[in-house]
PDB file of N, CA and C in Angstrom:
ATOM      1  N   MET A   1       2.827  36.018 -63.076  1.00  0.00           N
ATOM      2  CA  MET A   1       1.597  35.321 -62.819  1.00  0.00           C
ATOM      3  C   MET A   1       1.716  34.583 -61.488  1.00  0.00           C
ATOM      4  N   ARG A   2       0.752  34.780 -60.617  1.00  0.00           N
ATOM      5  CA  ARG A   2       0.741  34.111 -59.313  1.00  0.00           C
ATOM      6  C   ARG A   2       0.011  32.780 -59.434  1.00  0.00           C
ATOM      7  N   THR A   3       0.627  31.730 -58.924  1.00  0.00           N
ATOM      8  CA  THR A   3       0.035  30.395 -59.034  1.00  0.00           C
ATOM      9  C   THR A   3       0.127  29.645 -57.708  1.00  0.00           C
ATOM     10  N   SER A   4      -0.822  28.746 -57.517  1.00  0.00           N
ATOM     11  CA  SER A   4      -0.812  27.839 -56.369  1.00  0.00           C
ATOM     12  C   SER A   4      -1.018  26.431 -56.894  1.00  0.00           C
ATOM     13  N   PHE A   5      -0.166  25.516 -56.456  1.00  0.00           N
ATOM     14  CA  PHE A   5      -0.270  24.119 -56.869  1.00  0.00           C
ATOM     15  C   PHE A   5      -0.578  23.256 -55.656  1.00  0.00           C
ATOM     16  N   MET A   6      -1.590  22.409 -55.779  1.00  0.00           N
ATOM     17  CA  MET A   6      -1.936  21.451 -54.732  1.00  0.00           C
ATOM     18  C   MET A   6      -1.384  20.097 -55.156  1.00  0.00           C
ATOM     19  N   ARG A   7      -0.423  19.580 -54.393  1.00  0.00           N
ATOM     20  CA  ARG A   7       0.233  18.322 -54.754  1.00  0.00           C
ATOM     21  C   ARG A   7      -0.224  17.204 -53.833  1.00  0.00           C
ATOM     22  N   SER A   8      -1.424  16.735 -54.055  1.00  0.00           N
ATOM     23  CA  SER A   8      -1.905  15.587 -53.296  1.00  0.00           C
ATOM     24  C   SER A   8      -2.020  14.410 -54.250  1.00  0.00           C
ATOM     25  N   TRP A   9      -1.698  13.241 -53.758  1.00  0.00           N
ATOM     26  CA  TRP A   9      -1.756  12.062 -54.610  1.00  0.00           C
ATOM     27  C   TRP A   9      -3.195  11.624 -54.817  1.00  0.00           C
ATOM     28  N   TYR A  10      -3.981  11.610 -53.755  1.00  0.00           N
ATOM     29  CA  TYR A  10      -5.366  11.159 -53.866  1.00  0.00           C
ATOM     30  C   TYR A  10      -6.188  11.826 -52.781  1.00  0.00           C
ATOM     31  N   VAL A  11      -7.400  12.244 -53.136  1.00  0.00           N
ATOM     32  CA  VAL A  11      -8.313  12.870 -52.186  1.00  0.00           C
ATOM     33  C   VAL A  11      -9.392  11.855 -51.835  1.00  0.00           C
ATOM     34  N   LEU A  12      -9.446  11.496 -50.551  1.00  0.00           N
ATOM     35  CA  LEU A  12     -10.454  10.546 -50.077  1.00  0.00           C
ATOM     36  C   LEU A  12     -11.772  11.270 -49.878  1.00  0.00           C
ATOM     37  N   GLY A  13     -12.849  10.669 -50.375  1.00  0.00           N
ATOM     38  CA  GLY A  13     -14.165  11.268 -50.221  1.00  0.00           C
ATOM     39  C   GLY A  13     -15.240  10.247 -50.532  1.00  0.00           C
ATOM     40  N   PRO A  14     -16.480  10.675 -50.583  1.00  0.00           N
ATOM     41  CA  PRO A  14     -17.590   9.746 -50.836  1.00  0.00           C
ATOM     42  C   PRO A  14     -17.370   8.935 -52.117  1.00  0.00           C
ATOM     43  N   GLY A  15     -17.352   7.622 -51.963  1.00  0.00           N
ATOM     44  CA  GLY A  15     -17.168   6.735 -53.106  1.00  0.00           C
ATOM     45  C   GLY A  15     -15.731   6.578 -53.570  1.00  0.00           C
ATOM     46  N   HIS A  16     -14.817   7.244 -52.906  1.00  0.00           N
ATOM     47  CA  HIS A  16     -13.404   7.206 -53.313  1.00  0.00           C
ATOM     48  C   HIS A  16     -12.528   6.857 -52.115  1.00  0.00           C
ATOM     49  N   TRP A  17     -12.647   5.626 -51.653  1.00  0.00           N
ATOM     50  CA  TRP A  17     -11.928   5.195 -50.465  1.00  0.00           C
ATOM     51  C   TRP A  17     -10.927   4.076 -50.726  1.00  0.00           C
ATOM     52  N   TRP A  18     -10.783   3.582 -51.948  1.00  0.00           N
ATOM     53  CA  TRP A  18      -9.932   2.422 -52.198  1.00  0.00           C
ATOM     54  C   TRP A  18      -8.478   2.609 -51.767  1.00  0.00           C
ATOM     55  N   PRO A  19      -7.865   3.804 -51.843  1.00  0.00           N
ATOM     56  CA  PRO A  19      -6.458   3.925 -51.429  1.00  0.00           C
ATOM     57  C   PRO A  19      -6.241   3.713 -49.929  1.00  0.00           C
ATOM     58  N   ILE A  20      -7.305   3.700 -49.148  1.00  0.00           N
ATOM     59  CA  ILE A  20      -7.154   3.471 -47.714  1.00  0.00           C
ATOM     60  C   ILE A  20      -6.523   2.104 -47.457  1.00  0.00           C
ATOM     61  N   PHE A  21      -6.689   1.180 -48.398  1.00  0.00           N
ATOM     62  CA  PHE A  21      -6.106  -0.149 -48.259  1.00  0.00           C
ATOM     63  C   PHE A  21      -4.580  -0.130 -48.413  1.00  0.00           C
ATOM     64  N   LEU A  22      -4.039   0.961 -48.933  1.00  0.00           N
ATOM     65  CA  LEU A  22      -2.585   1.094 -49.071  1.00  0.00           C
ATOM     66  C   LEU A  22      -1.917   1.639 -47.810  1.00  0.00           C
ATOM     67  N   LYS A  23      -2.688   2.073 -46.841  1.00  0.00           N
ATOM     68  CA  LYS A  23      -2.139   2.658 -45.619  1.00  0.00           C
ATOM     69  C   LYS A  23      -1.148   1.729 -44.914  1.00  0.00           C
ATOM     70  N   PRO A  24      -1.435   0.408 -44.759  1.00  0.00           N
ATOM     71  CA  PRO A  24      -0.441  -0.463 -44.110  1.00  0.00           C
ATOM     72  C   PRO A  24       0.883  -0.528 -44.878  1.00  0.00           C
ATOM     73  N   VAL A  25       0.810  -0.522 -46.190  1.00  0.00           N
ATOM     74  CA  VAL A  25       2.028  -0.552 -47.008  1.00  0.00           C
ATOM     75  C   VAL A  25       2.817   0.743 -46.811  1.00  0.00           C
ATOM     76  N   LEU A  26       2.123   1.867 -46.784  1.00  0.00           N
ATOM     77  CA  LEU A  26       2.779   3.151 -46.570  1.00  0.00           C
ATOM     78  C   LEU A  26       3.413   3.216 -45.183  1.00  0.00           C
ATOM     79  N   PHE A  27       2.734   2.658 -44.183  1.00  0.00           N
ATOM     80  CA  PHE A  27       3.274   2.640 -42.833  1.00  0.00           C
ATOM     81  C   PHE A  27       4.566   1.832 -42.765  1.00  0.00           C
ATOM     82  N   ILE A  28       4.583   0.682 -43.411  1.00  0.00           N
ATOM     83  CA  ILE A  28       5.787  -0.159 -43.432  1.00  0.00           C
ATOM     84  C   ILE A  28       6.922   0.555 -44.159  1.00  0.00           C
ATOM     85  N   ALA A  29       6.595   1.249 -45.245  1.00  0.00           N
ATOM     86  CA  ALA A  29       7.620   1.990 -45.983  1.00  0.00           C
ATOM     87  C   ALA A  29       8.208   3.119 -45.125  1.00  0.00           C
ATOM     88  N   LYS A  30       7.356   3.765 -44.308  1.00  0.00           N
ATOM     89  CA  LYS A  30       7.863   4.806 -43.403  1.00  0.00           C
ATOM     90  C   LYS A  30       8.844   4.213 -42.400  1.00  0.00           C
ATOM     91  N   LEU A  31       8.496   3.035 -41.876  1.00  0.00           N
ATOM     92  CA  LEU A  31       9.389   2.376 -40.921  1.00  0.00           C
ATOM     93  C   LEU A  31      10.705   1.969 -41.571  1.00  0.00           C
ATOM     94  N   ALA A  32      10.677   1.706 -42.880  1.00  0.00           N
ATOM     95  CA  ALA A  32      11.878   1.283 -43.602  1.00  0.00           C
ATOM     96  C   ALA A  32      12.776   2.467 -43.971  1.00  0.00           C
ATOM     97  N   GLY A  33      12.385   3.673 -43.565  1.00  0.00           N
ATOM     98  CA  GLY A  33      13.233   4.825 -43.816  1.00  0.00           C
ATOM     99  C   GLY A  33      12.869   5.633 -45.039  1.00  0.00           C
ATOM    100  N   LYS A  34      11.733   5.395 -45.617  1.00  0.00           N
ATOM    101  CA  LYS A  34      11.294   6.124 -46.814  1.00  0.00           C
ATOM    102  C   LYS A  34      10.244   7.172 -46.464  1.00  0.00           C
ATOM    103  N   LYS A  35      10.349   7.775 -45.287  1.00  0.00           N
ATOM    104  CA  LYS A  35       9.319   8.664 -44.778  1.00  0.00           C
ATOM    105  C   LYS A  35       8.980   9.813 -45.726  1.00  0.00           C
ATOM    106  N   GLU A  36       9.983  10.506 -46.213  1.00  0.00           N
ATOM    107  CA  GLU A  36       9.730  11.671 -47.065  1.00  0.00           C
ATOM    108  C   GLU A  36       9.060  11.288 -48.381  1.00  0.00           C
ATOM    109  N   ALA A  37       9.500  10.203 -48.987  1.00  0.00           N
ATOM    110  CA  ALA A  37       8.902   9.753 -50.244  1.00  0.00           C
ATOM    111  C   ALA A  37       7.473   9.275 -50.030  1.00  0.00           C
ATOM    112  N   VAL A  38       7.231   8.603 -48.914  1.00  0.00           N
ATOM    113  CA  VAL A  38       5.896   8.077 -48.625  1.00  0.00           C
ATOM    114  C   VAL A  38       4.912   9.210 -48.380  1.00  0.00           C
ATOM    115  N   GLU A  39       5.349  10.266 -47.726  1.00  0.00           N
ATOM    116  CA  GLU A  39       4.441  11.377 -47.446  1.00  0.00           C
ATOM    117  C   GLU A  39       3.912  12.022 -48.720  1.00  0.00           C
ATOM    118  N   ASN A  40       4.667  11.975 -49.789  1.00  0.00           N
ATOM    119  CA  ASN A  40       4.188  12.518 -51.058  1.00  0.00           C
ATOM    120  C   ASN A  40       3.087  11.664 -51.674  1.00  0.00           C
ATOM    121  N   PHE A  41       3.022  10.388 -51.301  1.00  0.00           N
ATOM    122  CA  PHE A  41       2.004   9.488 -51.843  1.00  0.00           C
ATOM    123  C   PHE A  41       0.895   9.188 -50.847  1.00  0.00           C
ATOM    124  N   ASP A  42       0.865   9.913 -49.747  1.00  0.00           N
ATOM    125  CA  ASP A  42      -0.198   9.708 -48.775  1.00  0.00           C
ATOM    126  C   ASP A  42      -1.455  10.431 -49.251  1.00  0.00           C
ATOM    127  N   THR A  43      -2.565  10.141 -48.621  1.00  0.00           N
ATOM    128  CA  THR A  43      -3.845  10.698 -49.045  1.00  0.00           C
ATOM    129  C   THR A  43      -4.255  11.856 -48.143  1.00  0.00           C
ATOM    130  N   VAL A  44      -5.173  12.666 -48.642  1.00  0.00           N
ATOM    131  CA  VAL A  44      -5.804  13.723 -47.852  1.00  0.00           C
ATOM    132  C   VAL A  44      -7.310  13.545 -47.965  1.00  0.00           C
ATOM    133  N   THR A  45      -8.041  14.081 -47.007  1.00  0.00           N
ATOM    134  CA  THR A  45      -9.494  13.980 -47.061  1.00  0.00           C
ATOM    135  C   THR A  45     -10.065  15.118 -47.902  1.00  0.00           C
ATOM    136  N   LEU A  46     -11.300  14.954 -48.275  1.00  0.00           N
ATOM    137  CA  LEU A  46     -11.975  15.983 -49.064  1.00  0.00           C
ATOM    138  C   LEU A  46     -12.047  17.293 -48.283  1.00  0.00           C
ATOM    139  N   GLN A  47     -12.336  17.228 -46.991  1.00  0.00           N
ATOM    140  CA  GLN A  47     -12.403  18.443 -46.172  1.00  0.00           C
ATOM    141  C   GLN A  47     -11.050  19.138 -46.073  1.00  0.00           C
ATOM    142  N   GLN A  48      -9.982  18.363 -45.958  1.00  0.00           N
ATOM    143  CA  GLN A  48      -8.645  18.965 -45.916  1.00  0.00           C
ATOM    144  C   GLN A  48      -8.337  19.684 -47.221  1.00  0.00           C
ATOM    145  N   MET A  49      -8.693  19.074 -48.334  1.00  0.00           N
ATOM    146  CA  MET A  49      -8.430  19.689 -49.637  1.00  0.00           C
ATOM    147  C   MET A  49      -9.266  20.949 -49.829  1.00  0.00           C
ATOM    148  N   ILE A  50     -10.512  20.915 -49.414  1.00  0.00           N
ATOM    149  CA  ILE A  50     -11.366  22.105 -49.540  1.00  0.00           C
ATOM    150  C   ILE A  50     -10.809  23.248 -48.703  1.00  0.00           C
ATOM    151  N   ARG A  51     -10.382  22.957 -47.463  1.00  0.00           N
ATOM    152  CA  ARG A  51      -9.796  24.011 -46.623  1.00  0.00           C
ATOM    153  C   ARG A  51      -8.532  24.588 -47.258  1.00  0.00           C
ATOM    154  N   ALA A  52      -7.706  23.730 -47.860  1.00  0.00           N
ATOM    155  CA  ALA A  52      -6.487  24.204 -48.516  1.00  0.00           C
ATOM    156  C   ALA A  52      -6.813  25.064 -49.730  1.00  0.00           C
ATOM    157  N   LEU A  53      -7.815  24.671 -50.492  1.00  0.00           N
ATOM    158  CA  LEU A  53      -8.213  25.465 -51.660  1.00  0.00           C
ATOM    159  C   LEU A  53      -8.770  26.824 -51.247  1.00  0.00           C
ATOM    160  N   VAL A  54      -9.582  26.850 -50.202  1.00  0.00           N
ATOM    161  CA  VAL A  54     -10.123  28.118 -49.705  1.00  0.00           C
ATOM    162  C   VAL A  54      -8.979  29.013 -49.232  1.00  0.00           C
ATOM    163  N   TYR A  55      -8.022  28.439 -48.527  1.00  0.00           N
ATOM    164  CA  TYR A  55      -6.865  29.213 -48.083  1.00  0.00           C
ATOM    165  C   TYR A  55      -6.106  29.793 -49.284  1.00  0.00           C
ATOM    166  N   ALA A  56      -5.871  28.972 -50.309  1.00  0.00           N
ATOM    167  CA  ALA A  56      -5.113  29.422 -51.482  1.00  0.00           C
ATOM    168  C   ALA A  56      -5.835  30.552 -52.221  1.00  0.00           C
ATOM    169  N   VAL A  57      -7.149  30.498 -52.249  1.00  0.00           N
ATOM    170  CA  VAL A  57      -7.918  31.560 -52.923  1.00  0.00           C
ATOM    171  C   VAL A  57      -7.875  32.847 -52.103  1.00  0.00           C
ATOM    172  N   ASN A  58      -8.018  32.717 -50.795  1.00  0.00           N
ATOM    173  CA  ASN A  58      -8.047  33.906 -49.929  1.00  0.00           C
ATOM    174  C   ASN A  58      -6.669  34.495 -49.659  1.00  0.00           C
ATOM    175  N   ASN A  59      -5.613  33.725 -49.872  1.00  0.00           N
ATOM    176  CA  ASN A  59      -4.241  34.181 -49.622  1.00  0.00           C
ATOM    177  C   ASN A  59      -3.367  33.888 -50.836  1.00  0.00           C
ATOM    178  N   PRO A  60      -3.552  34.642 -51.908  1.00  0.00           N
ATOM    179  CA  PRO A  60      -2.752  34.370 -53.112  1.00  0.00           C
ATOM    180  C   PRO A  60      -1.261  34.584 -52.844  1.00  0.00           C
ATOM    181  N   PRO A  61      -0.423  33.727 -53.418  1.00  0.00           N
ATOM    182  CA  PRO A  61       1.020  33.853 -53.189  1.00  0.00           C
ATOM    183  C   PRO A  61       1.605  35.044 -53.932  1.00  0.00           C
ATOM    184  N   VAL A  62       2.790  35.438 -53.524  1.00  0.00           N
ATOM    185  CA  VAL A  62       3.475  36.545 -54.194  1.00  0.00           C
ATOM    186  C   VAL A  62       3.884  36.112 -55.601  1.00  0.00           C
ATOM    187  N   ILE A  63       4.477  34.938 -55.739  1.00  0.00           N
ATOM    188  CA  ILE A  63       4.904  34.445 -57.046  1.00  0.00           C
ATOM    189  C   ILE A  63       4.338  33.057 -57.308  1.00  0.00           C
ATOM    190  N   ASN A  64       4.731  32.094 -56.491  1.00  0.00           N
ATOM    191  CA  ASN A  64       4.384  30.702 -56.735  1.00  0.00           C
ATOM    192  C   ASN A  64       4.304  29.989 -55.388  1.00  0.00           C
ATOM    193  N   ALA A  65       3.282  29.154 -55.214  1.00  0.00           N
ATOM    194  CA  ALA A  65       3.150  28.383 -53.977  1.00  0.00           C
ATOM    195  C   ALA A  65       2.856  26.932 -54.330  1.00  0.00           C
ATOM    196  N   VAL A  66       3.533  26.032 -53.657  1.00  0.00           N
ATOM    197  CA  VAL A  66       3.304  24.598 -53.844  1.00  0.00           C
ATOM    198  C   VAL A  66       2.909  24.031 -52.490  1.00  0.00           C
ATOM    199  N   TYR A  67       1.726  23.452 -52.427  1.00  0.00           N
ATOM    200  CA  TYR A  67       1.225  22.854 -51.198  1.00  0.00           C
ATOM    201  C   TYR A  67       1.282  21.342 -51.343  1.00  0.00           C
ATOM    202  N   ASP A  68       2.144  20.711 -50.562  1.00  0.00           N
ATOM    203  CA  ASP A  68       2.243  19.256 -50.595  1.00  0.00           C
ATOM    204  C   ASP A  68       1.293  18.666 -49.547  1.00  0.00           C
ATOM    205  N   VAL A  69       1.280  17.354 -49.427  1.00  0.00           N
ATOM    206  CA  VAL A  69       0.347  16.668 -48.529  1.00  0.00           C
ATOM    207  C   VAL A  69       0.517  17.174 -47.089  1.00  0.00           C
ATOM    208  N   ARG A  70       1.739  17.319 -46.651  1.00  0.00           N
ATOM    209  CA  ARG A  70       1.998  17.773 -45.286  1.00  0.00           C
ATOM    210  C   ARG A  70       1.384  19.148 -45.038  1.00  0.00           C
ATOM    211  N   LYS A  71       1.536  20.065 -45.980  1.00  0.00           N
ATOM    212  CA  LYS A  71       1.004  21.421 -45.836  1.00  0.00           C
ATOM    213  C   LYS A  71      -0.524  21.414 -45.943  1.00  0.00           C
ATOM    214  N   ILE A  72      -1.083  20.625 -46.858  1.00  0.00           N
ATOM    215  CA  ILE A  72      -2.536  20.561 -47.025  1.00  0.00           C
ATOM    216  C   ILE A  72      -3.199  20.112 -45.730  1.00  0.00           C
ATOM    217  N   ARG A  73      -2.581  19.202 -45.011  1.00  0.00           N
ATOM    218  CA  ARG A  73      -3.161  18.688 -43.763  1.00  0.00           C
ATOM    219  C   ARG A  73      -3.158  19.711 -42.639  1.00  0.00           C
ATOM    220  N   THR A  74      -2.392  20.792 -42.750  1.00  0.00           N
ATOM    221  CA  THR A  74      -2.333  21.784 -41.689  1.00  0.00           C
ATOM    222  C   THR A  74      -3.466  22.795 -41.750  1.00  0.00           C
ATOM    223  N   PHE A  75      -4.188  22.877 -42.822  1.00  0.00           N
ATOM    224  CA  PHE A  75      -5.274  23.867 -42.951  1.00  0.00           C
ATOM    225  C   PHE A  75      -6.526  23.395 -42.281  1.00  0.00           C
TER     226      PHE A  75
END
């Protein structure tokens, strides 16, 4: 079975902006050397998530694909 997993912590969109207030805390954590862990808890926009979902549908993986925040932002 071919599967694609989207691993985003929170998708920012209309009416869903409260995590933006955590950005300064995430920035400080990155400076403290927790860059990789912080990137997993960063947010993506609704448009970024839609582009990633369209990509996943049009390009099904051979076995299994996991798209983390960093990868979702590249679409």
